[in-house]
Amino acid sequence: MMSGIIEINVHGKNVEEAIDEIRKQLNSAKTNVYRIRVIHGYHGGTRIRDGIWDEFSYGREPKIKRITMGDNQGITELILREF
């Protein structure tokens, strides 16, 4: 992976499975990774999106500096450091 962005597609997973997958990727991310892009979808993906915000925002995960919406509503971006 050259870009410094990890993409995780969590379509079809429940909230716990999606958060487990994100945490696994977060813990194994190399130092060149500055962003984790979670593709959860919009229809039915909103529960996962809300779960991500609940789990990782407000300084609960020190590796994540901030959370932002992606290019569309079906994507959430976890910013590990500014590029």
C-alpha atoms as a PDB file:
ATOM      1  CA  MET A   1       0.000   0.000   0.000  1.00  0.00           C
ATOM      2  CA  MET A   2       1.737   3.123  -1.245  1.00  0.00           C
ATOM      3  CA  SER A   3      -0.885   5.816  -0.726  1.00  0.00           C
ATOM      4  CA  GLY A   4      -0.938   6.004   3.073  1.00  0.00           C
ATOM      5  CA  ILE A   5      -4.667   5.311   3.075  1.00  0.00           C
ATOM      6  CA  ILE A   6      -6.193   2.038   4.243  1.00  0.00           C
ATOM      7  CA  GLU A   7      -9.643   1.318   2.803  1.00  0.00           C
ATOM      8  CA  ILE A   8     -11.931  -0.986   4.727  1.00  0.00           C
ATOM      9  CA  ASN A   9     -15.213  -2.138   3.217  1.00  0.00           C
ATOM     10  CA  VAL A  10     -17.605  -3.146   5.999  1.00  0.00           C
ATOM     11  CA  HIS A  11     -20.730  -3.718   3.876  1.00  0.00           C
ATOM     12  CA  GLY A  12     -22.664  -6.663   5.290  1.00  0.00           C
ATOM     13  CA  LYS A  13     -21.068  -6.503   8.733  1.00  0.00           C
ATOM     14  CA  ASN A  14     -22.839  -5.531  11.921  1.00  0.00           C
ATOM     15  CA  VAL A  15     -21.568  -2.647  14.052  1.00  0.00           C
ATOM     16  CA  GLU A  16     -19.414  -4.829  16.328  1.00  0.00           C
ATOM     17  CA  GLU A  17     -17.824  -6.671  13.404  1.00  0.00           C
ATOM     18  CA  ALA A  18     -17.100  -3.382  11.632  1.00  0.00           C
ATOM     19  CA  ILE A  19     -15.509  -1.820  14.723  1.00  0.00           C
ATOM     20  CA  ASP A  20     -13.431  -4.973  15.303  1.00  0.00           C
ATOM     21  CA  GLU A  21     -12.155  -4.783  11.717  1.00  0.00           C
ATOM     22  CA  ILE A  22     -11.345  -1.064  12.058  1.00  0.00           C
ATOM     23  CA  ARG A  23      -9.520  -1.654  15.335  1.00  0.00           C
ATOM     24  CA  LYS A  24      -7.517  -4.513  13.788  1.00  0.00           C
ATOM     25  CA  GLN A  25      -6.453  -2.296  10.873  1.00  0.00           C
ATOM     26  CA  LEU A  26      -5.719   0.611  13.212  1.00  0.00           C
ATOM     27  CA  ASN A  27      -3.480  -1.511  15.419  1.00  0.00           C
ATOM     28  CA  SER A  28      -1.536  -2.944  12.470  1.00  0.00           C
ATOM     29  CA  ALA A  29      -1.226   0.328  10.502  1.00  0.00           C
ATOM     30  CA  LYS A  30       2.308   1.257   9.516  1.00  0.00           C
ATOM     31  CA  THR A  31       3.737   4.720  10.143  1.00  0.00           C
ATOM     32  CA  ASN A  32       3.082   5.846   6.543  1.00  0.00           C
ATOM     33  CA  VAL A  33      -0.683   5.443   7.054  1.00  0.00           C
ATOM     34  CA  TYR A  34      -2.367   8.767   7.720  1.00  0.00           C
ATOM     35  CA  ARG A  35      -5.996   7.894   6.987  1.00  0.00           C
ATOM     36  CA  ILE A  36      -8.367   4.951   7.316  1.00  0.00           C
ATOM     37  CA  ARG A  37     -11.315   5.146   4.932  1.00  0.00           C
ATOM     38  CA  VAL A  38     -14.283   3.078   6.078  1.00  0.00           C
ATOM     39  CA  ILE A  39     -16.817   2.260   3.379  1.00  0.00           C
ATOM     40  CA  HIS A  40     -20.032   1.392   5.193  1.00  0.00           C
ATOM     41  CA  GLY A  41     -22.703   2.419   2.713  1.00  0.00           C
ATOM     42  CA  TYR A  42     -25.544   4.822   3.232  1.00  0.00           C
ATOM     43  CA  HIS A  43     -28.690   2.701   3.264  1.00  0.00           C
ATOM     44  CA  GLY A  44     -28.284   0.526   6.340  1.00  0.00           C
ATOM     45  CA  GLY A  45     -24.715   1.771   6.850  1.00  0.00           C
ATOM     46  CA  THR A  46     -25.810   4.603   9.104  1.00  0.00           C
ATOM     47  CA  ARG A  47     -25.768   2.349  12.181  1.00  0.00           C
ATOM     48  CA  ILE A  48     -22.143   1.507  11.443  1.00  0.00           C
ATOM     49  CA  ARG A  49     -21.336   5.187  10.835  1.00  0.00           C
ATOM     50  CA  ASP A  50     -22.896   6.151  14.169  1.00  0.00           C
ATOM     51  CA  GLY A  51     -21.066   3.289  15.888  1.00  0.00           C
ATOM     52  CA  ILE A  52     -17.743   4.492  14.468  1.00  0.00           C
ATOM     53  CA  TRP A  53     -18.346   8.020  15.762  1.00  0.00           C
ATOM     54  CA  ASP A  54     -19.403   6.682  19.187  1.00  0.00           C
ATOM     55  CA  GLU A  55     -16.409   4.360  19.444  1.00  0.00           C
ATOM     56  CA  PHE A  56     -13.583   6.513  18.078  1.00  0.00           C
ATOM     57  CA  SER A  57     -14.453  10.198  18.508  1.00  0.00           C
ATOM     58  CA  TYR A  58     -13.973  12.537  21.473  1.00  0.00           C
ATOM     59  CA  GLY A  59     -10.391  11.399  22.034  1.00  0.00           C
ATOM     60  CA  ARG A  60     -11.365   7.810  22.898  1.00  0.00           C
ATOM     61  CA  GLU A  61      -8.715   6.438  20.549  1.00  0.00           C
ATOM     62  CA  PRO A  62      -5.389   8.311  20.816  1.00  0.00           C
ATOM     63  CA  LYS A  63      -4.239   7.244  17.325  1.00  0.00           C
ATOM     64  CA  ILE A  64      -7.203   9.012  15.697  1.00  0.00           C
ATOM     65  CA  LYS A  65      -6.857  12.785  15.511  1.00  0.00           C
ATOM     66  CA  ARG A  66     -10.286  13.423  14.022  1.00  0.00           C
ATOM     67  CA  ILE A  67     -13.160  11.831  12.134  1.00  0.00           C
ATOM     68  CA  THR A  68     -14.704  13.283   9.002  1.00  0.00           C
ATOM     69  CA  MET A  69     -17.249  12.342   6.379  1.00  0.00           C
ATOM     70  CA  GLY A  70     -15.829  10.970   3.150  1.00  0.00           C
ATOM     71  CA  ASP A  71     -16.635  12.024  -0.402  1.00  0.00           C
ATOM     72  CA  ASN A  72     -20.148  10.704   0.098  1.00  0.00           C
ATOM     73  CA  GLN A  73     -22.390   9.763   3.019  1.00  0.00           C
ATOM     74  CA  GLY A  74     -21.444   6.094   2.760  1.00  0.00           C
ATOM     75  CA  ILE A  75     -17.832   6.770   3.767  1.00  0.00           C
ATOM     76  CA  THR A  76     -16.281   7.794   7.083  1.00  0.00           C
ATOM     77  CA  GLU A  77     -12.633   8.850   7.262  1.00  0.00           C
ATOM     78  CA  LEU A  78     -10.485   8.357  10.360  1.00  0.00           C
ATOM     79  CA  ILE A  79      -7.601  10.820  10.261  1.00  0.00           C
ATOM     80  CA  LEU A  80      -4.484   9.513  12.014  1.00  0.00           C
ATOM     81  CA  ARG A  81      -2.341  12.510  11.102  1.00  0.00           C
ATOM     82  CA  GLU A  82      -2.522  15.436   8.737  1.00  0.00           C
ATOM     83  CA  PHE A  83      -0.990  14.732   5.351  1.00  0.00           C
END
